[in-house]
Protein backbone atom coordinates (compact mmCIF):
# COMPACT_ATOMS: atom_id res chain seq x y z
CA UNK A 1 0.00 0.00 0.00
CA UNK A 2 1.35 3.45 -0.91
CA UNK A 3 1.06 6.43 1.42
CA UNK A 4 1.78 10.11 0.75
CA UNK A 5 5.35 11.24 1.30
CA UNK A 6 4.65 14.93 1.87
CA UNK A 7 4.48 14.47 5.66
CA UNK A 8 7.44 12.12 5.95
CA UNK A 9 9.95 14.87 6.73
CA UNK A 10 7.96 16.64 9.44
CA UNK A 11 9.82 17.29 12.69
CA UNK A 12 8.74 14.93 15.44
CA UNK A 13 6.01 16.51 17.57
CA UNK A 14 7.37 18.06 20.75
CA UNK A 15 5.50 16.15 23.44
CA UNK A 16 6.11 12.55 22.29
CA UNK A 17 9.80 13.51 22.11
CA UNK A 18 9.60 14.90 25.63
CA UNK A 19 7.98 11.73 26.99
CA UNK A 20 10.76 9.66 25.47
CA UNK A 21 13.44 11.96 26.89
CA UNK A 22 11.99 11.94 30.41
CA UNK A 23 11.23 8.21 30.51
CA UNK A 24 12.99 7.77 33.86
CA UNK A 25 11.72 8.04 37.43
CA UNK A 26 12.60 11.31 39.15
CA UNK A 27 14.16 11.34 42.59
CA UNK A 28 12.47 14.61 43.53
CA UNK A 29 9.05 15.29 45.05
CA UNK A 30 5.68 15.77 43.42
CA UNK A 31 5.69 16.32 39.66
CA UNK A 32 5.43 19.93 38.53
CA UNK A 33 4.21 20.28 34.94
CA UNK A 34 5.69 23.33 33.21
CA UNK A 35 5.74 22.02 29.64
CA UNK A 36 2.43 22.43 27.87
CA UNK A 37 0.66 25.78 27.59
CA UNK A 38 -2.63 24.59 29.06
CA UNK A 39 -4.09 27.31 31.32
CA UNK A 40 -4.98 26.13 34.82
CA UNK A 41 -6.58 29.24 36.32
CA UNK A 42 -10.32 29.05 36.94
CA UNK A 43 -12.67 29.93 34.10
CA UNK A 44 -15.83 31.96 34.83
CA UNK A 45 -18.15 29.80 36.95
CA UNK A 46 -21.24 30.93 35.05
CA UNK A 47 -20.08 29.36 31.78
CA UNK A 48 -21.70 26.03 32.62
CA UNK A 49 -24.96 27.79 33.46
CA UNK A 50 -25.07 29.30 29.98
CA UNK A 51 -24.39 25.91 28.40
CA UNK A 52 -27.18 24.31 30.45
CA UNK A 53 -29.59 27.12 29.57
CA UNK A 54 -29.08 26.43 25.87
CA UNK A 55 -28.63 22.66 26.19
CA UNK A 56 -31.51 21.91 23.81
CA UNK A 57 -29.22 23.10 21.04
CA UNK A 58 -27.29 19.83 21.25
CA UNK A 59 -30.23 18.34 19.38
CA UNK A 60 -29.41 20.31 16.22
CA UNK A 61 -26.46 20.67 13.87
CA UNK A 62 -24.68 23.94 14.64
CA UNK A 63 -24.48 26.56 11.88
CA UNK A 64 -21.14 26.58 10.06
CA UNK A 65 -20.93 30.36 10.03
CA UNK A 66 -21.75 30.65 13.76
CA UNK A 67 -24.82 31.94 15.54
CA UNK A 68 -25.45 35.71 15.10
CA UNK A 69 -24.89 36.33 18.83
CA UNK A 70 -21.39 34.88 18.68
CA UNK A 71 -20.38 36.72 15.53
CA UNK A 72 -21.65 39.96 17.05
CA UNK A 73 -19.63 39.24 20.22
CA UNK A 74 -16.46 38.86 18.15
CA UNK A 75 -17.00 42.20 16.44
CA UNK A 76 -17.91 43.96 19.67
CA UNK A 77 -14.71 42.66 21.25
CA UNK A 78 -12.60 43.76 18.28
CA UNK A 79 -14.12 47.24 18.56
CA UNK A 80 -13.39 47.46 22.29
CA UNK A 81 -9.91 45.98 22.08
CA UNK A 82 -8.55 47.44 18.84
CA UNK A 83 -11.01 50.21 17.85
CA UNK A 84 -11.69 48.45 14.55
CA UNK A 85 -15.19 47.90 13.22
CA UNK A 86 -16.08 44.70 11.41
CA UNK A 87 -19.31 43.41 9.88
CA UNK A 88 -20.38 40.24 11.73
CA UNK A 89 -21.98 38.92 8.53
CA UNK A 90 -18.86 39.47 6.41
CA UNK A 91 -15.57 39.63 8.31
CA UNK A 92 -15.61 36.96 11.05
CA UNK A 93 -16.20 33.26 11.53
CA UNK A 94 -15.96 31.09 14.67
CA UNK A 95 -13.32 28.39 14.84
CA UNK A 96 -13.11 25.16 16.75
CA UNK A 97 -9.98 26.56 18.41
CA UNK A 98 -7.42 28.66 16.55
CA UNK A 99 -5.39 25.60 15.51
CA UNK A 100 -8.20 24.67 13.12
CA UNK A 101 -8.14 28.14 11.60
CA UNK A 102 -4.36 28.39 11.36
CA UNK A 103 -4.27 25.09 9.49
CA UNK A 104 -7.26 25.74 7.25
CA UNK A 105 -5.98 29.19 6.30
CA UNK A 106 -3.22 27.46 4.39
CA UNK A 107 -5.65 25.04 2.78
CA UNK A 108 -8.20 27.69 1.83
CA UNK A 109 -6.01 30.64 0.88
CA UNK A 110 -2.66 29.42 -0.50
CA UNK A 111 -2.65 29.14 -4.32
CA UNK A 112 -1.08 26.20 -6.14
CA UNK A 113 1.61 28.38 -7.75
CA UNK A 114 2.98 31.91 -7.73
CA UNK A 115 4.86 33.46 -10.63
CA UNK A 116 4.89 30.01 -12.23
CA UNK A 117 6.73 28.41 -9.31
CA UNK A 118 6.00 26.41 -6.18
CA UNK A 119 4.62 28.81 -3.56
CA UNK A 120 6.37 29.57 -0.28
CA UNK A 121 4.91 30.06 3.20
CA UNK A 122 7.19 31.87 5.64
CA UNK A 123 7.14 31.13 9.36
CA UNK A 124 9.26 31.94 12.42
CA UNK A 125 11.77 29.51 13.85
CA UNK A 126 10.95 28.46 16.63
CA UNK A 127 7.39 27.93 15.44
CA UNK A 128 4.00 26.45 16.27
CA UNK A 129 4.19 23.22 14.31
CA UNK A 130 0.74 23.50 12.73
CA UNK A 131 2.21 26.30 10.57
CA UNK A 132 4.52 23.85 8.83
CA UNK A 133 1.86 21.20 8.41
CA UNK A 134 -0.51 23.74 6.87
CA UNK A 135 2.13 24.83 4.37
CA UNK A 136 2.98 21.28 3.35
CA UNK A 137 -0.67 20.25 3.12
CA UNK A 138 -1.37 23.12 0.75
CA UNK A 139 1.56 22.16 -1.47
CA UNK A 140 3.70 25.12 -0.45
CA UNK A 141 7.34 25.11 0.61
CA UNK A 142 7.77 26.06 4.28
CA UNK A 143 10.64 28.50 4.78
CA UNK A 144 11.73 29.06 8.38
CA UNK A 145 13.09 32.46 9.39
CA UNK A 146 15.13 32.69 12.61
CA UNK A 147 13.51 34.47 15.56
CA UNK A 148 16.50 34.86 17.87
CA UNK A 149 17.80 37.28 20.49
CA UNK A 150 19.57 39.13 17.68
CA UNK A 151 16.23 39.84 15.96
CA UNK A 152 14.35 40.63 19.16
CA UNK A 153 12.87 37.11 19.08
CA UNK A 154 10.70 38.11 16.11
CA UNK A 155 11.40 36.93 12.55
CA UNK A 156 13.02 39.47 10.23
CA UNK A 157 11.01 38.66 7.13
CA UNK A 158 12.50 41.62 5.24
CA UNK A 159 15.87 39.82 5.32
CA UNK A 160 14.53 36.91 3.24
CA UNK A 161 15.99 36.51 -0.25
CA UNK A 162 13.88 38.42 -2.81
CA UNK A 163 13.69 35.28 -4.97
CA UNK A 164 11.90 33.55 -2.09
CA UNK A 165 9.71 36.58 -1.38
CA UNK A 166 8.61 36.57 -5.01
CA UNK A 167 7.24 33.05 -4.43
CA UNK A 168 5.74 33.82 -1.02
CA UNK A 169 1.95 33.53 -0.72
CA UNK A 170 1.65 33.85 3.07
CA UNK A 171 3.59 34.27 6.27
CA UNK A 172 2.69 33.19 9.78
CA UNK A 173 3.38 35.64 12.57
CA UNK A 174 2.73 34.99 16.27
CA UNK A 175 2.54 38.01 18.58
CA UNK A 176 2.88 37.78 21.52
CA UNK A 177 5.35 35.16 20.43
CA UNK A 178 5.30 31.53 21.51
CA UNK A 179 7.73 30.63 23.05
CA UNK A 180 9.66 33.86 23.65
CA UNK A 181 6.95 36.29 24.80
CA UNK A 182 8.15 39.04 22.45
CA UNK A 183 5.59 41.52 21.11
CA UNK A 184 5.41 43.08 17.65
CA UNK A 185 4.97 46.84 17.91
CA UNK A 186 3.30 49.12 15.35
CA UNK A 187 6.56 49.68 13.49
CA UNK A 188 7.08 45.92 13.12
CA UNK A 189 3.54 45.30 11.90
CA UNK A 190 3.65 48.20 9.45
CA UNK A 191 7.00 47.06 8.06
CA UNK A 192 5.64 43.55 7.58
CA UNK A 193 2.44 44.82 5.95
CA UNK A 194 4.50 46.98 3.58
CA UNK A 195 6.62 43.93 2.69
CA UNK A 196 3.46 41.91 2.06
CA UNK A 197 2.11 44.70 -0.14
CA UNK A 198 5.36 44.83 -2.11
CA UNK A 199 5.54 41.07 -2.71
CA UNK A 200 1.79 40.39 -2.68
CA UNK A 201 1.33 37.85 0.09
CA UNK A 202 -1.04 37.47 3.05
CA UNK A 203 -0.16 37.72 6.73
CA UNK A 204 -1.65 35.08 9.03
CA UNK A 205 -1.48 36.80 12.44
CA UNK A 206 -1.71 34.34 15.33
CA UNK A 207 -2.69 36.54 18.28
CA UNK A 208 -4.02 33.94 20.71
CA UNK A 209 -1.83 35.26 23.57
CA UNK A 210 -2.90 38.88 23.11
CA UNK A 211 -4.69 39.20 26.46
CA UNK A 212 -1.88 37.87 28.67
CA UNK A 213 0.57 40.73 29.19
CA UNK A 214 2.40 42.70 31.88
CA UNK A 215 1.36 46.33 31.57
CA UNK A 216 0.69 47.52 28.00
CA UNK A 217 -1.81 45.69 25.77
CA UNK A 218 0.01 44.28 22.73
CA UNK A 219 -0.69 46.08 19.47
CA UNK A 220 -2.93 44.09 17.15
CA UNK A 221 -2.26 43.82 13.46
CA UNK A 222 -5.75 45.10 12.66
CA UNK A 223 -4.77 48.44 14.22
CA UNK A 224 -2.06 48.80 11.59
CA UNK A 225 -3.89 47.89 8.38
CA UNK A 226 -4.85 50.50 5.81
CA UNK A 227 -7.97 50.22 3.68
CA UNK A 228 -5.91 49.80 0.51
CA UNK A 229 -5.69 46.01 0.63
CA UNK A 230 -8.53 44.58 2.74
CA UNK A 231 -7.46 40.99 2.02
CA UNK A 232 -3.85 41.43 3.14
CA UNK A 233 -4.32 40.42 6.79
CA UNK A 234 -6.00 37.42 8.42
CA UNK A 235 -6.03 37.41 12.24
CA UNK A 236 -6.82 34.64 14.73
CA UNK A 237 -7.99 34.90 18.36
CA UNK A 238 -8.99 32.44 21.07
CA UNK A 239 -10.63 32.07 24.47
CA UNK A 240 -8.17 29.34 25.51
CA UNK A 241 -5.59 31.65 27.07
CA UNK A 242 -7.68 34.79 27.55
CA UNK A 243 -10.38 33.00 29.55
CA UNK A 244 -8.77 29.71 30.65
CA UNK A 245 -11.12 27.74 28.40
CA UNK A 246 -8.97 25.51 26.18
CA UNK A 247 -11.64 22.81 26.32
CA UNK A 248 -14.40 25.08 25.05
CA UNK A 249 -12.59 25.33 21.68
CA UNK A 250 -13.75 28.85 20.90
CA UNK A 251 -11.63 30.88 18.54
CA UNK A 252 -12.35 33.05 15.56
CA UNK A 253 -10.83 34.29 12.34
CA UNK A 254 -11.21 37.81 10.96
CA UNK A 255 -10.31 38.90 7.44
CA UNK A 256 -11.40 40.61 4.24
CA UNK A 257 -14.59 39.67 2.38
CA UNK A 258 -12.95 37.45 -0.25
CA UNK A 259 -10.69 35.83 2.33
CA UNK A 260 -13.67 34.98 4.47
CA UNK A 261 -15.64 33.68 1.50
CA UNK A 262 -12.84 31.20 0.80
CA UNK A 263 -12.49 30.22 4.47
CA UNK A 264 -16.23 29.71 4.89
CA UNK A 265 -16.39 27.60 1.74
CA UNK A 266 -13.76 25.21 3.11
CA UNK A 267 -15.57 25.08 6.45
CA UNK A 268 -18.76 24.02 4.60
CA UNK A 269 -17.03 20.88 3.34
CA UNK A 270 -14.39 20.08 5.93
CA UNK A 271 -14.99 22.08 9.09
CA UNK A 272 -16.23 21.15 12.54
CA UNK A 273 -18.42 23.94 13.92
CA UNK A 274 -18.73 24.49 17.64
CA UNK A 275 -21.95 23.00 19.14
CA UNK A 276 -24.64 25.64 19.51
CA UNK A 277 -24.81 25.65 23.35
CA UNK A 278 -21.05 26.21 23.43
CA UNK A 279 -21.41 29.06 20.96
CA UNK A 280 -23.84 30.79 23.34
CA UNK A 281 -21.39 30.29 26.19
CA UNK A 282 -18.53 31.63 24.08
CA UNK A 283 -20.56 34.72 23.17
CA UNK A 284 -21.08 35.46 26.87
CA UNK A 285 -17.37 34.97 27.63
CA UNK A 286 -16.20 37.22 24.78
CA UNK A 287 -18.53 39.91 26.14
CA UNK A 288 -17.05 39.84 29.65
CA UNK A 289 -13.74 41.47 30.63
CA UNK A 290 -13.90 41.19 34.42
CA UNK A 291 -12.56 37.64 34.49
CA UNK A 292 -9.86 38.56 31.96
CA UNK A 293 -8.50 41.29 34.21
CA UNK A 294 -8.46 38.88 37.16
CA UNK A 295 -6.69 36.24 35.06
CA UNK A 296 -4.06 38.71 33.89
CA UNK A 297 -3.39 39.77 37.49
CA UNK A 298 -2.53 36.19 38.41
CA UNK A 299 -0.02 36.00 35.56
CA UNK A 300 1.42 39.36 36.62
CA UNK A 301 2.21 37.84 40.03
CA UNK A 302 4.00 34.98 38.31
CA UNK A 303 5.99 37.37 36.10
CA UNK A 304 7.21 39.14 39.23
CA UNK A 305 7.97 35.82 40.91
CA UNK A 306 10.05 34.72 37.93
CA UNK A 307 11.92 38.03 37.91
CA UNK A 308 12.70 37.68 41.62
CA UNK A 309 13.86 34.07 41.42
CA UNK A 310 15.62 34.06 38.03
CA UNK A 311 16.43 37.71 37.46
CA UNK A 312 20.14 37.19 38.22
CA UNK A 313 20.48 34.36 35.68
CA UNK A 314 22.79 35.47 32.84
CA UNK A 315 20.72 36.01 29.71
CA UNK A 316 17.36 35.99 31.50
CA UNK A 317 14.83 38.13 29.66
CA UNK A 318 11.49 38.87 31.29
CA UNK A 319 8.71 38.15 28.80
CA UNK A 320 6.62 41.08 27.61
CA UNK A 321 3.51 38.92 27.29
CA UNK A 322 2.22 35.37 27.11
CA UNK A 323 2.85 32.84 29.87
CA UNK A 324 6.15 31.24 28.88
CA UNK A 325 9.73 31.80 29.98
CA UNK A 326 12.37 31.23 27.30
CA UNK A 327 15.43 30.47 29.39
CA UNK A 328 19.01 30.20 28.09
CA UNK A 329 20.88 27.00 28.97
CA UNK A 330 23.95 25.17 27.66
CA UNK A 331 21.80 22.41 26.14
CA UNK A 332 18.02 22.23 26.36
CA UNK A 333 17.66 18.44 26.40
CA UNK A 334 20.39 17.96 28.99
CA UNK A 335 18.92 20.69 31.20
CA UNK A 336 15.38 19.29 31.00
CA UNK A 337 16.55 15.76 31.81
CA UNK A 338 18.74 16.90 34.70
CA UNK A 339 15.92 18.96 36.19
CA UNK A 340 13.39 16.14 35.87
CA UNK A 341 15.62 13.49 37.40
CA UNK A 342 16.61 15.70 40.34
CA UNK A 343 13.32 17.43 41.16
CA UNK A 344 10.32 16.07 39.24
CA UNK A 345 9.90 19.38 37.41
CA UNK A 346 9.10 19.01 33.70
CA UNK A 347 10.14 21.67 31.19
CA UNK A 348 10.39 21.54 27.41
CA UNK A 349 13.69 21.62 25.48
CA UNK A 350 13.61 24.58 23.11
CA UNK A 351 14.95 22.54 20.23
CA UNK A 352 11.66 20.62 20.15
CA UNK A 353 9.89 23.84 19.11
CA UNK A 354 12.32 24.69 16.32
CA UNK A 355 14.04 23.08 13.38
CA UNK A 356 17.66 22.96 12.32
CA UNK A 357 18.32 25.13 9.26
CA UNK A 358 21.85 25.40 7.82
CA UNK A 359 23.23 23.57 10.84
CA UNK A 360 21.56 25.86 13.40
CA UNK A 361 18.59 25.15 15.65
CA UNK A 362 17.59 28.43 17.36
CA UNK A 363 15.98 26.57 20.25
CA UNK A 364 18.90 24.29 21.04
CA UNK A 365 20.23 26.36 23.95
CA UNK A 366 16.89 27.16 25.56
CA UNK A 367 14.15 25.61 27.63
CA UNK A 368 10.52 26.72 27.58
CA UNK A 369 8.81 27.03 30.95
CA UNK A 370 5.03 27.43 31.18
CA UNK A 371 3.74 29.57 34.08
CA UNK A 372 0.29 27.97 34.07
CA UNK A 373 0.29 25.96 37.30
CA UNK A 374 -1.02 27.34 40.63
CA UNK A 375 1.21 29.95 42.22
CA UNK A 376 2.79 27.73 44.89
CA UNK A 377 3.53 25.00 42.35
CA UNK A 378 4.98 27.53 39.94
CA UNK A 379 7.25 28.92 42.66
CA UNK A 380 8.52 25.45 43.50
CA UNK A 381 9.29 24.81 39.84
CA UNK A 382 11.11 28.12 39.37
CA UNK A 383 13.24 27.60 42.46
CA UNK A 384 14.13 24.10 41.28
CA UNK A 385 15.17 25.51 37.90
CA UNK A 386 17.39 28.07 39.60
CA UNK A 387 18.95 25.61 42.06
CA UNK A 388 19.53 22.73 39.64
CA UNK A 389 20.21 24.30 36.24
CA UNK A 390 21.84 27.57 37.26
CA UNK A 391 23.62 26.57 40.47
CA UNK A 392 27.22 27.76 40.47
């Protein structure tokens, strides 16, 4: 039997690699999980009440385009957050989590060729691995652009060879960045939009960490778009991090009219719409900011805790946003294994989130640490990292 070869060269997924690496019993105390970015703060208690109130909706197929209340909630939130005004019947569509949208954007929007050649999709390195799978699935060539300390942990897409840019049909951009916590400012977004205008490609802006930040709300790409090219930008948002609801699977995509027509058409054939009772719950959550402020305050405490415990570590950079620390080490795998065996604290080697290009893996000398556990557990993990990995 013959199977497709296009996925044969994918990098191994991070968490199976981690399980294999840490397949030994630790000598430390209780396990502290600091690997996966799964929020553990409480979600609003009234969410289940809304689901129960609309429970009869489980008896019907949910609408692909989303219930009007949910689409209106997206647009109301965009207006409050970014002062941009979108038509709920034209510019937005709910997603079953942003991963679905980030993947399907490649499938729905990337053409089969550009300038008579195989198309290119640009992405940062390190990267969220669905970006690469989306590019390969759509027949495009994934091109990874380093996002290192030298570039402010954001990819310098303007440095890409013009021959590659002439084949580029899309780029993925994550701000706040996973794993580094760096934030694209207005100058960055405007430079990228100008580059996309010049070389005629779309920007897929992954902004799912936009509501977890220290002091200043991260700039959104929609704040930086002119009216000249309404199809240039496609943005993605989620309740998973903002509202501690990864299991609700409520995200949305926002883009120009033709972009959304293409995205909705693919959803008609291959999508999985959110069940109607969950859409009503999501609409209520998008409309509420009180719980978001409370959630952000808890992360702020953890930022300060990390600064206090690890601030003297050479190369430590406090994240601007998101809930990850990107910590420099001599070797990420060796550091993660040493920490696990000695203390029972699990962190993720940075190399598992990146790929070697021209002999260089930009995650090789880092570990990613998720600040999602309860405060006391997070403190224990941070102190273990300091005492085991950075002990002199």
